[in-house]
Amino acid sequence: MRAGYLELDETLYDGTRLLLHEMCGFDVTDGFPRLTTSTVPAGIVDGNYSIDERSIFGFRLDATKLRTVMRSMNVDTDE
């Protein structure tokens, strides 16, 4: 939806193909903006939030670390 895709317009996208240009990962450690069970009161059962991408730049994994993490999850990295 953020990119403007709506399921009700699905027929407009017939034949559209996409190419992955870049994949990145982030080290979700102390200081990374996130909600956790310890920071959200028990009575809240649903919600959503958006993260300002500029605020997480310092947590971005370099290509070597990202490949290592992906391999640990048995994801093909297509080197």
C-alpha atoms as a PDB file:
ATOM      1  CA  MET A   1       0.000   0.000   0.000  1.00  0.00           C
ATOM      2  CA  ARG A   2       2.868   2.351   0.735  1.00  0.00           C
ATOM      3  CA  ALA A   3       3.980   2.026  -2.880  1.00  0.00           C
ATOM      4  CA  GLY A   4       0.430   2.669  -4.105  1.00  0.00           C
ATOM      5  CA  TYR A   5      -0.593  -0.942  -4.808  1.00  0.00           C
ATOM      6  CA  LEU A   6      -4.215  -1.735  -4.051  1.00  0.00           C
ATOM      7  CA  GLU A   7      -5.699  -5.228  -4.403  1.00  0.00           C
ATOM      8  CA  LEU A   8      -8.860  -3.803  -5.957  1.00  0.00           C
ATOM      9  CA  ASP A   9      -6.671  -2.659  -8.893  1.00  0.00           C
ATOM     10  CA  GLU A  10      -5.227  -6.159  -9.332  1.00  0.00           C
ATOM     11  CA  THR A  11      -6.262  -6.396 -12.997  1.00  0.00           C
ATOM     12  CA  LEU A  12      -4.201  -3.300 -13.799  1.00  0.00           C
ATOM     13  CA  TYR A  13      -1.078  -5.215 -12.792  1.00  0.00           C
ATOM     14  CA  ASP A  14      -1.596  -8.310 -14.983  1.00  0.00           C
ATOM     15  CA  GLY A  15       1.693  -9.046 -16.698  1.00  0.00           C
ATOM     16  CA  THR A  16       3.658  -6.688 -14.453  1.00  0.00           C
ATOM     17  CA  ARG A  17       6.977  -8.136 -13.372  1.00  0.00           C
ATOM     18  CA  LEU A  18       9.251  -6.833 -10.664  1.00  0.00           C
ATOM     19  CA  LEU A  19      12.990  -7.088 -10.202  1.00  0.00           C
ATOM     20  CA  LEU A  20      14.538  -7.016  -6.742  1.00  0.00           C
ATOM     21  CA  HIS A  21      17.074  -4.225  -6.832  1.00  0.00           C
ATOM     22  CA  GLU A  22      18.367  -4.400  -3.287  1.00  0.00           C
ATOM     23  CA  MET A  23      17.802  -6.355  -0.099  1.00  0.00           C
ATOM     24  CA  CYS A  24      18.903  -5.066   3.250  1.00  0.00           C
ATOM     25  CA  GLY A  25      18.695  -6.236   6.817  1.00  0.00           C
ATOM     26  CA  PHE A  26      18.908  -4.552  10.171  1.00  0.00           C
ATOM     27  CA  ASP A  27      20.401  -5.542  13.498  1.00  0.00           C
ATOM     28  CA  VAL A  28      17.409  -5.185  15.828  1.00  0.00           C
ATOM     29  CA  THR A  29      19.274  -4.587  19.076  1.00  0.00           C
ATOM     30  CA  ASP A  30      19.132  -2.069  21.912  1.00  0.00           C
ATOM     31  CA  GLY A  31      18.217   1.339  20.567  1.00  0.00           C
ATOM     32  CA  PHE A  32      16.366   0.053  17.503  1.00  0.00           C
ATOM     33  CA  PRO A  33      12.866   1.602  17.502  1.00  0.00           C
ATOM     34  CA  ARG A  34      10.484  -1.273  18.211  1.00  0.00           C
ATOM     35  CA  LEU A  35       7.564  -2.435  20.281  1.00  0.00           C
ATOM     36  CA  THR A  36       8.094  -5.512  22.434  1.00  0.00           C
ATOM     37  CA  THR A  37       6.001  -7.453  24.924  1.00  0.00           C
ATOM     38  CA  SER A  38       7.935  -5.772  27.726  1.00  0.00           C
ATOM     39  CA  THR A  39       7.187  -2.248  26.430  1.00  0.00           C
ATOM     40  CA  VAL A  40       3.500  -2.656  25.492  1.00  0.00           C
ATOM     41  CA  PRO A  41       0.924  -2.929  28.275  1.00  0.00           C
ATOM     42  CA  ALA A  42      -0.900  -6.286  28.480  1.00  0.00           C
ATOM     43  CA  GLY A  43      -4.293  -4.750  27.614  1.00  0.00           C
ATOM     44  CA  ILE A  44      -3.193  -3.718  24.122  1.00  0.00           C
ATOM     45  CA  VAL A  45      -4.003  -6.579  21.749  1.00  0.00           C
ATOM     46  CA  ASP A  46      -3.586  -4.935  18.329  1.00  0.00           C
ATOM     47  CA  GLY A  47      -1.775  -1.995  16.813  1.00  0.00           C
ATOM     48  CA  ASN A  48       0.625  -0.824  14.152  1.00  0.00           C
ATOM     49  CA  TYR A  49       3.394   1.694  13.763  1.00  0.00           C
ATOM     50  CA  SER A  50       5.764   3.033  11.138  1.00  0.00           C
ATOM     51  CA  ILE A  51       9.497   3.550  11.517  1.00  0.00           C
ATOM     52  CA  ASP A  52      11.304   6.543  10.046  1.00  0.00           C
ATOM     53  CA  GLU A  53      13.870   4.805   7.835  1.00  0.00           C
ATOM     54  CA  ARG A  54      16.438   7.502   8.577  1.00  0.00           C
ATOM     55  CA  SER A  55      16.392   6.523  12.262  1.00  0.00           C
ATOM     56  CA  ILE A  56      17.535   2.953  11.596  1.00  0.00           C
ATOM     57  CA  PHE A  57      20.355   3.589   9.118  1.00  0.00           C
ATOM     58  CA  GLY A  58      22.961   2.912  11.814  1.00  0.00           C
ATOM     59  CA  PHE A  59      21.515  -0.586  12.358  1.00  0.00           C
ATOM     60  CA  ARG A  60      21.831  -1.655   8.716  1.00  0.00           C
ATOM     61  CA  LEU A  61      23.824  -4.842   8.136  1.00  0.00           C
ATOM     62  CA  ASP A  62      26.654  -4.809   5.618  1.00  0.00           C
ATOM     63  CA  ALA A  63      26.433  -7.290   2.714  1.00  0.00           C
ATOM     64  CA  THR A  64      28.703  -9.875   4.365  1.00  0.00           C
ATOM     65  CA  LYS A  65      26.757  -9.916   7.635  1.00  0.00           C
ATOM     66  CA  LEU A  66      23.427 -10.042   5.765  1.00  0.00           C
ATOM     67  CA  ARG A  67      24.580 -13.092   3.764  1.00  0.00           C
ATOM     68  CA  THR A  68      25.716 -14.771   6.994  1.00  0.00           C
ATOM     69  CA  VAL A  69      22.341 -14.171   8.636  1.00  0.00           C
ATOM     70  CA  MET A  70      20.452 -15.380   5.562  1.00  0.00           C
ATOM     71  CA  ARG A  71      22.560 -18.559   5.349  1.00  0.00           C
ATOM     72  CA  SER A  72      21.832 -19.260   9.033  1.00  0.00           C
ATOM     73  CA  MET A  73      18.139 -19.224   8.078  1.00  0.00           C
ATOM     74  CA  ASN A  74      18.789 -21.509   5.064  1.00  0.00           C
ATOM     75  CA  VAL A  75      17.979 -18.732   2.580  1.00  0.00           C
ATOM     76  CA  ASP A  76      19.724 -18.993  -0.797  1.00  0.00           C
ATOM     77  CA  THR A  77      21.836 -15.868  -1.295  1.00  0.00           C
ATOM     78  CA  ASP A  78      22.570 -16.452  -5.022  1.00  0.00           C
ATOM     79  CA  GLU A  79      26.154 -15.282  -4.906  1.00  0.00           C
END
